[in-house]
Amino acid sequence: MRTFHIQMSEDCLFCKISAGTIPAKIAYQDEHCVAFHDINPQAPVHVLVIPRKHVPSVADIPDDLCAPLLSAADKVARDLGVGESYRLVTNKGADAGQSVFHLHWHVLGGRRLGWPPG
């Protein structure tokens, strides 16, 4: 198993998942991010892609993390068979539905997704 340097917040659920101290069904990981299956899936494929570094929301993302996270999300979608049609969503703030304040992208697919989403 590869080890990665992690900058984490000690009270953050997703930092703990990234560090491996809380178990998750991992779909993908590299030096920049971890992707894991959502415990309350809203579609047949529902994976969260998170940076290893603690980043509170999309408003705080450093430029050098954007491309690796988006590439990882696309790779996960392709690996899970929804690469031709999937939704990629992030929420910023409680009113938008953000419940864990660690940046995460939802990769949703495997069924027809309605619009508007909310």
N, C-alpha and C. Protein backbone atom coordinates (compact mmCIF):
# COMPACT_ATOMS: atom_id res chain seq x y z
N MET A 1 0.84 -1.18 0.00
CA MET A 1 0.00 0.00 0.00
C MET A 1 0.89 1.25 0.00
N ARG A 2 0.55 2.22 -0.86
CA ARG A 2 1.31 3.47 -0.92
C ARG A 2 0.92 4.38 0.22
N THR A 3 1.87 5.13 0.73
CA THR A 3 1.60 6.13 1.77
C THR A 3 1.72 7.51 1.16
N PHE A 4 0.85 8.40 1.60
CA PHE A 4 0.84 9.75 1.07
C PHE A 4 0.94 10.74 2.22
N HIS A 5 1.59 11.86 1.97
CA HIS A 5 1.64 12.95 2.95
C HIS A 5 0.28 13.63 2.94
N ILE A 6 -0.29 13.81 4.12
CA ILE A 6 -1.63 14.38 4.21
C ILE A 6 -1.61 15.59 5.14
N GLN A 7 -2.15 16.71 4.65
CA GLN A 7 -2.37 17.86 5.52
C GLN A 7 -3.82 17.79 5.94
N MET A 8 -4.07 17.54 7.24
CA MET A 8 -5.44 17.31 7.64
C MET A 8 -5.85 18.16 8.82
N SER A 9 -7.15 18.30 8.96
CA SER A 9 -7.77 18.92 10.11
C SER A 9 -8.19 17.78 11.01
N GLU A 10 -7.81 17.80 12.26
CA GLU A 10 -8.03 16.66 13.15
C GLU A 10 -9.49 16.35 13.42
N ASP A 11 -10.39 17.31 13.25
CA ASP A 11 -11.79 17.06 13.53
C ASP A 11 -12.63 16.88 12.27
N CYS A 12 -11.99 16.71 11.12
CA CYS A 12 -12.69 16.61 9.84
C CYS A 12 -12.90 15.14 9.44
N LEU A 13 -14.15 14.77 9.23
CA LEU A 13 -14.50 13.41 8.82
C LEU A 13 -13.76 13.00 7.55
N PHE A 14 -13.75 13.86 6.52
CA PHE A 14 -13.13 13.50 5.25
C PHE A 14 -11.61 13.44 5.37
N CYS A 15 -11.00 14.24 6.22
CA CYS A 15 -9.56 14.12 6.46
C CYS A 15 -9.25 12.75 7.07
N LYS A 16 -10.12 12.29 7.95
CA LYS A 16 -9.92 10.98 8.58
C LYS A 16 -10.09 9.85 7.56
N ILE A 17 -11.03 10.00 6.64
CA ILE A 17 -11.18 9.00 5.58
C ILE A 17 -9.94 9.01 4.69
N SER A 18 -9.47 10.20 4.34
CA SER A 18 -8.27 10.33 3.52
C SER A 18 -7.06 9.69 4.19
N ALA A 19 -6.96 9.84 5.50
CA ALA A 19 -5.84 9.29 6.25
C ALA A 19 -5.99 7.79 6.51
N GLY A 20 -7.18 7.24 6.28
CA GLY A 20 -7.40 5.82 6.51
C GLY A 20 -7.81 5.49 7.93
N THR A 21 -8.06 6.49 8.77
CA THR A 21 -8.46 6.21 10.15
C THR A 21 -9.95 5.94 10.27
N ILE A 22 -10.72 6.33 9.27
CA ILE A 22 -12.13 5.95 9.15
C ILE A 22 -12.24 5.17 7.85
N PRO A 23 -12.80 3.95 7.92
CA PRO A 23 -12.87 3.13 6.70
C PRO A 23 -13.88 3.67 5.69
N ALA A 24 -13.58 3.45 4.43
CA ALA A 24 -14.47 3.80 3.33
C ALA A 24 -14.18 2.84 2.18
N LYS A 25 -15.16 2.69 1.30
CA LYS A 25 -14.97 1.87 0.11
C LYS A 25 -14.30 2.76 -0.94
N ILE A 26 -12.99 2.61 -1.08
CA ILE A 26 -12.18 3.46 -1.94
C ILE A 26 -12.35 3.05 -3.40
N ALA A 27 -12.64 4.04 -4.25
CA ALA A 27 -12.75 3.81 -5.68
C ALA A 27 -11.46 4.19 -6.41
N TYR A 28 -10.72 5.14 -5.83
CA TYR A 28 -9.50 5.64 -6.47
C TYR A 28 -8.75 6.47 -5.44
N GLN A 29 -7.41 6.46 -5.58
CA GLN A 29 -6.61 7.39 -4.77
C GLN A 29 -5.27 7.63 -5.44
N ASP A 30 -4.76 8.83 -5.22
CA ASP A 30 -3.42 9.18 -5.68
C ASP A 30 -2.86 10.19 -4.69
N GLU A 31 -1.77 10.84 -5.06
CA GLU A 31 -1.12 11.76 -4.11
C GLU A 31 -1.94 13.01 -3.84
N HIS A 32 -2.91 13.33 -4.71
CA HIS A 32 -3.71 14.55 -4.57
C HIS A 32 -5.07 14.31 -3.93
N CYS A 33 -5.64 13.13 -4.14
CA CYS A 33 -7.04 12.95 -3.75
C CYS A 33 -7.38 11.50 -3.41
N VAL A 34 -8.57 11.36 -2.85
CA VAL A 34 -9.16 10.06 -2.56
C VAL A 34 -10.59 10.11 -3.08
N ALA A 35 -11.04 9.05 -3.71
CA ALA A 35 -12.43 8.93 -4.15
C ALA A 35 -13.02 7.70 -3.47
N PHE A 36 -14.19 7.88 -2.89
CA PHE A 36 -14.83 6.78 -2.18
C PHE A 36 -16.34 6.80 -2.42
N HIS A 37 -16.95 5.63 -2.27
CA HIS A 37 -18.39 5.49 -2.50
C HIS A 37 -19.16 6.15 -1.36
N ASP A 38 -20.18 6.91 -1.73
CA ASP A 38 -21.03 7.59 -0.76
C ASP A 38 -21.80 6.56 0.06
N ILE A 39 -21.95 6.79 1.36
CA ILE A 39 -22.68 5.84 2.20
C ILE A 39 -24.20 5.98 2.05
N ASN A 40 -24.66 7.06 1.41
CA ASN A 40 -26.08 7.27 1.16
C ASN A 40 -26.25 7.64 -0.32
N PRO A 41 -26.02 6.68 -1.22
CA PRO A 41 -25.99 7.01 -2.65
C PRO A 41 -27.32 7.53 -3.18
N GLN A 42 -27.21 8.54 -4.04
CA GLN A 42 -28.38 9.14 -4.67
C GLN A 42 -28.53 8.70 -6.13
N ALA A 43 -27.66 7.83 -6.58
CA ALA A 43 -27.68 7.28 -7.94
C ALA A 43 -26.93 5.94 -7.88
N PRO A 44 -27.10 5.10 -8.89
CA PRO A 44 -26.37 3.82 -8.89
C PRO A 44 -24.86 4.00 -8.73
N VAL A 45 -24.30 5.04 -9.32
CA VAL A 45 -22.90 5.41 -9.07
C VAL A 45 -22.92 6.73 -8.33
N HIS A 46 -22.37 6.75 -7.14
CA HIS A 46 -22.27 7.98 -6.34
C HIS A 46 -20.98 7.90 -5.54
N VAL A 47 -19.99 8.59 -6.05
CA VAL A 47 -18.65 8.58 -5.45
C VAL A 47 -18.28 10.01 -5.09
N LEU A 48 -17.60 10.19 -3.97
CA LEU A 48 -17.10 11.49 -3.57
C LEU A 48 -15.61 11.55 -3.85
N VAL A 49 -15.17 12.65 -4.45
CA VAL A 49 -13.75 12.88 -4.73
C VAL A 49 -13.32 14.03 -3.83
N ILE A 50 -12.33 13.77 -2.97
CA ILE A 50 -11.88 14.78 -2.00
C ILE A 50 -10.38 15.01 -2.14
N PRO A 51 -9.92 16.23 -1.89
CA PRO A 51 -8.48 16.44 -1.85
C PRO A 51 -7.90 15.86 -0.56
N ARG A 52 -6.68 15.38 -0.62
CA ARG A 52 -6.01 14.91 0.60
C ARG A 52 -5.75 16.07 1.55
N LYS A 53 -5.46 17.23 0.98
CA LYS A 53 -5.25 18.43 1.78
C LYS A 53 -6.61 18.95 2.24
N HIS A 54 -6.70 19.41 3.47
CA HIS A 54 -7.96 19.97 3.95
C HIS A 54 -8.24 21.30 3.27
N VAL A 55 -9.30 21.32 2.48
CA VAL A 55 -9.77 22.52 1.78
C VAL A 55 -11.25 22.64 2.13
N PRO A 56 -11.67 23.71 2.81
CA PRO A 56 -13.06 23.78 3.29
C PRO A 56 -14.14 23.75 2.20
N SER A 57 -13.92 24.42 1.08
CA SER A 57 -14.95 24.45 0.03
C SER A 57 -14.31 24.80 -1.30
N VAL A 58 -15.12 24.80 -2.35
CA VAL A 58 -14.64 25.12 -3.69
C VAL A 58 -14.10 26.55 -3.74
N ALA A 59 -14.57 27.44 -2.88
CA ALA A 59 -14.07 28.82 -2.84
C ALA A 59 -12.63 28.91 -2.37
N ASP A 60 -12.16 27.85 -1.71
CA ASP A 60 -10.82 27.86 -1.12
C ASP A 60 -9.81 27.01 -1.88
N ILE A 61 -10.21 26.45 -2.99
CA ILE A 61 -9.35 25.49 -3.67
C ILE A 61 -8.14 26.17 -4.32
N PRO A 62 -6.95 25.68 -4.04
CA PRO A 62 -5.76 26.22 -4.72
C PRO A 62 -5.76 25.82 -6.19
N ASP A 63 -5.24 26.70 -7.03
CA ASP A 63 -5.23 26.44 -8.47
C ASP A 63 -4.59 25.10 -8.83
N ASP A 64 -3.55 24.72 -8.11
CA ASP A 64 -2.84 23.49 -8.46
C ASP A 64 -3.61 22.22 -8.12
N LEU A 65 -4.75 22.34 -7.43
CA LEU A 65 -5.56 21.15 -7.12
C LEU A 65 -6.73 20.97 -8.07
N CYS A 66 -7.12 22.01 -8.78
CA CYS A 66 -8.30 21.91 -9.67
C CYS A 66 -8.16 20.79 -10.69
N ALA A 67 -7.13 20.83 -11.50
CA ALA A 67 -6.97 19.84 -12.56
C ALA A 67 -6.84 18.42 -12.02
N PRO A 68 -6.03 18.16 -10.99
CA PRO A 68 -5.96 16.79 -10.48
C PRO A 68 -7.29 16.25 -9.95
N LEU A 69 -8.08 17.10 -9.29
CA LEU A 69 -9.36 16.64 -8.77
C LEU A 69 -10.36 16.35 -9.89
N LEU A 70 -10.41 17.24 -10.87
CA LEU A 70 -11.34 17.02 -11.98
C LEU A 70 -10.92 15.82 -12.83
N SER A 71 -9.63 15.64 -13.02
CA SER A 71 -9.14 14.46 -13.76
C SER A 71 -9.48 13.18 -13.01
N ALA A 72 -9.33 13.21 -11.69
CA ALA A 72 -9.65 12.03 -10.88
C ALA A 72 -11.14 11.72 -10.96
N ALA A 73 -11.98 12.75 -10.92
CA ALA A 73 -13.43 12.54 -11.02
C ALA A 73 -13.79 11.88 -12.35
N ASP A 74 -13.19 12.35 -13.44
CA ASP A 74 -13.46 11.76 -14.75
C ASP A 74 -12.94 10.32 -14.81
N LYS A 75 -11.77 10.07 -14.25
CA LYS A 75 -11.22 8.71 -14.23
C LYS A 75 -12.14 7.77 -13.46
N VAL A 76 -12.63 8.21 -12.31
CA VAL A 76 -13.54 7.39 -11.50
C VAL A 76 -14.81 7.09 -12.30
N ALA A 77 -15.37 8.11 -12.94
CA ALA A 77 -16.58 7.90 -13.75
C ALA A 77 -16.34 6.87 -14.85
N ARG A 78 -15.20 6.99 -15.56
CA ARG A 78 -14.89 6.02 -16.61
C ARG A 78 -14.69 4.63 -16.03
N ASP A 79 -13.93 4.54 -14.92
CA ASP A 79 -13.67 3.24 -14.29
C ASP A 79 -14.95 2.55 -13.84
N LEU A 80 -15.96 3.34 -13.44
CA LEU A 80 -17.20 2.77 -12.93
C LEU A 80 -18.28 2.66 -14.02
N GLY A 81 -17.88 2.90 -15.27
CA GLY A 81 -18.77 2.65 -16.39
C GLY A 81 -19.76 3.75 -16.73
N VAL A 82 -19.57 4.96 -16.19
CA VAL A 82 -20.49 6.06 -16.49
C VAL A 82 -19.77 7.23 -17.16
N GLY A 83 -18.62 6.97 -17.73
CA GLY A 83 -17.80 8.02 -18.31
C GLY A 83 -18.45 8.80 -19.44
N GLU A 84 -19.44 8.22 -20.11
CA GLU A 84 -20.11 8.93 -21.21
C GLU A 84 -21.21 9.86 -20.72
N SER A 85 -21.70 9.66 -19.49
CA SER A 85 -22.79 10.48 -18.99
C SER A 85 -22.82 10.44 -17.47
N TYR A 86 -22.38 11.52 -16.86
CA TYR A 86 -22.38 11.62 -15.41
C TYR A 86 -22.53 13.08 -15.01
N ARG A 87 -22.88 13.28 -13.75
CA ARG A 87 -22.99 14.63 -13.20
C ARG A 87 -21.90 14.80 -12.16
N LEU A 88 -21.29 15.98 -12.17
CA LEU A 88 -20.26 16.33 -11.20
C LEU A 88 -20.75 17.55 -10.45
N VAL A 89 -20.90 17.42 -9.11
CA VAL A 89 -21.51 18.47 -8.30
C VAL A 89 -20.67 18.72 -7.07
N THR A 90 -20.55 20.01 -6.69
CA THR A 90 -20.03 20.36 -5.39
C THR A 90 -20.96 21.41 -4.80
N ASN A 91 -21.08 21.41 -3.50
CA ASN A 91 -21.91 22.38 -2.79
C ASN A 91 -21.00 23.29 -1.99
N LYS A 92 -21.37 24.57 -1.92
CA LYS A 92 -20.60 25.54 -1.14
C LYS A 92 -21.54 26.20 -0.16
N GLY A 93 -21.39 25.86 1.11
CA GLY A 93 -22.21 26.44 2.15
C GLY A 93 -23.40 25.58 2.54
N ALA A 94 -23.86 25.79 3.76
CA ALA A 94 -24.95 24.98 4.32
C ALA A 94 -26.24 25.12 3.52
N ASP A 95 -26.59 26.31 3.07
CA ASP A 95 -27.83 26.50 2.31
C ASP A 95 -27.80 25.77 0.97
N ALA A 96 -26.63 25.50 0.45
CA ALA A 96 -26.50 24.76 -0.81
C ALA A 96 -26.45 23.25 -0.57
N GLY A 97 -26.38 22.84 0.70
CA GLY A 97 -26.37 21.42 1.01
C GLY A 97 -25.03 20.88 1.47
N GLN A 98 -24.03 21.75 1.65
CA GLN A 98 -22.73 21.26 2.12
C GLN A 98 -22.86 20.89 3.59
N SER A 99 -22.63 19.63 3.91
CA SER A 99 -22.75 19.17 5.30
C SER A 99 -21.39 18.80 5.90
N VAL A 100 -20.42 18.51 5.06
CA VAL A 100 -19.05 18.28 5.51
C VAL A 100 -18.21 19.38 4.87
N PHE A 101 -17.55 20.18 5.70
CA PHE A 101 -16.84 21.35 5.20
C PHE A 101 -15.39 21.02 4.87
N HIS A 102 -15.30 20.08 3.93
CA HIS A 102 -14.06 19.65 3.28
C HIS A 102 -14.49 19.49 1.83
N LEU A 103 -13.85 20.22 0.93
CA LEU A 103 -14.24 20.18 -0.48
C LEU A 103 -14.45 18.75 -0.94
N HIS A 104 -15.56 18.51 -1.62
CA HIS A 104 -15.80 17.20 -2.22
C HIS A 104 -16.68 17.37 -3.45
N TRP A 105 -16.35 16.59 -4.46
CA TRP A 105 -17.11 16.53 -5.70
C TRP A 105 -17.90 15.24 -5.68
N HIS A 106 -19.20 15.33 -5.96
CA HIS A 106 -20.06 14.15 -6.12
C HIS A 106 -20.01 13.74 -7.59
N VAL A 107 -19.66 12.50 -7.85
CA VAL A 107 -19.74 11.93 -9.19
C VAL A 107 -20.98 11.05 -9.18
N LEU A 108 -21.99 11.45 -9.96
CA LEU A 108 -23.28 10.75 -9.98
C LEU A 108 -23.57 10.23 -11.38
N GLY A 109 -24.02 9.01 -11.48
CA GLY A 109 -24.35 8.45 -12.78
C GLY A 109 -25.02 7.10 -12.66
N GLY A 110 -25.27 6.49 -13.81
CA GLY A 110 -25.87 5.17 -13.83
C GLY A 110 -27.38 5.17 -14.00
N ARG A 111 -27.97 6.36 -14.07
CA ARG A 111 -29.40 6.51 -14.35
C ARG A 111 -29.61 7.89 -14.95
N ARG A 112 -30.79 8.13 -15.51
CA ARG A 112 -31.13 9.45 -16.02
C ARG A 112 -31.27 10.39 -14.84
N LEU A 113 -30.57 11.50 -14.86
CA LEU A 113 -30.59 12.47 -13.77
C LEU A 113 -31.48 13.65 -14.17
N GLY A 114 -32.43 13.99 -13.32
CA GLY A 114 -33.37 15.07 -13.61
C GLY A 114 -32.77 16.44 -13.41
N TRP A 115 -33.48 17.45 -13.94
CA TRP A 115 -33.06 18.84 -13.78
C TRP A 115 -34.30 19.68 -13.61
N PRO A 116 -34.40 20.61 -12.71
CA PRO A 116 -33.31 21.04 -11.84
C PRO A 116 -33.07 20.03 -10.71
N PRO A 117 -31.85 20.03 -10.17
CA PRO A 117 -31.49 19.02 -9.17
C PRO A 117 -32.08 19.27 -7.80
N GLY A 118 -32.37 20.52 -7.42
CA GLY A 118 -32.77 20.83 -6.05
C GLY A 118 -34.24 20.93 -5.87
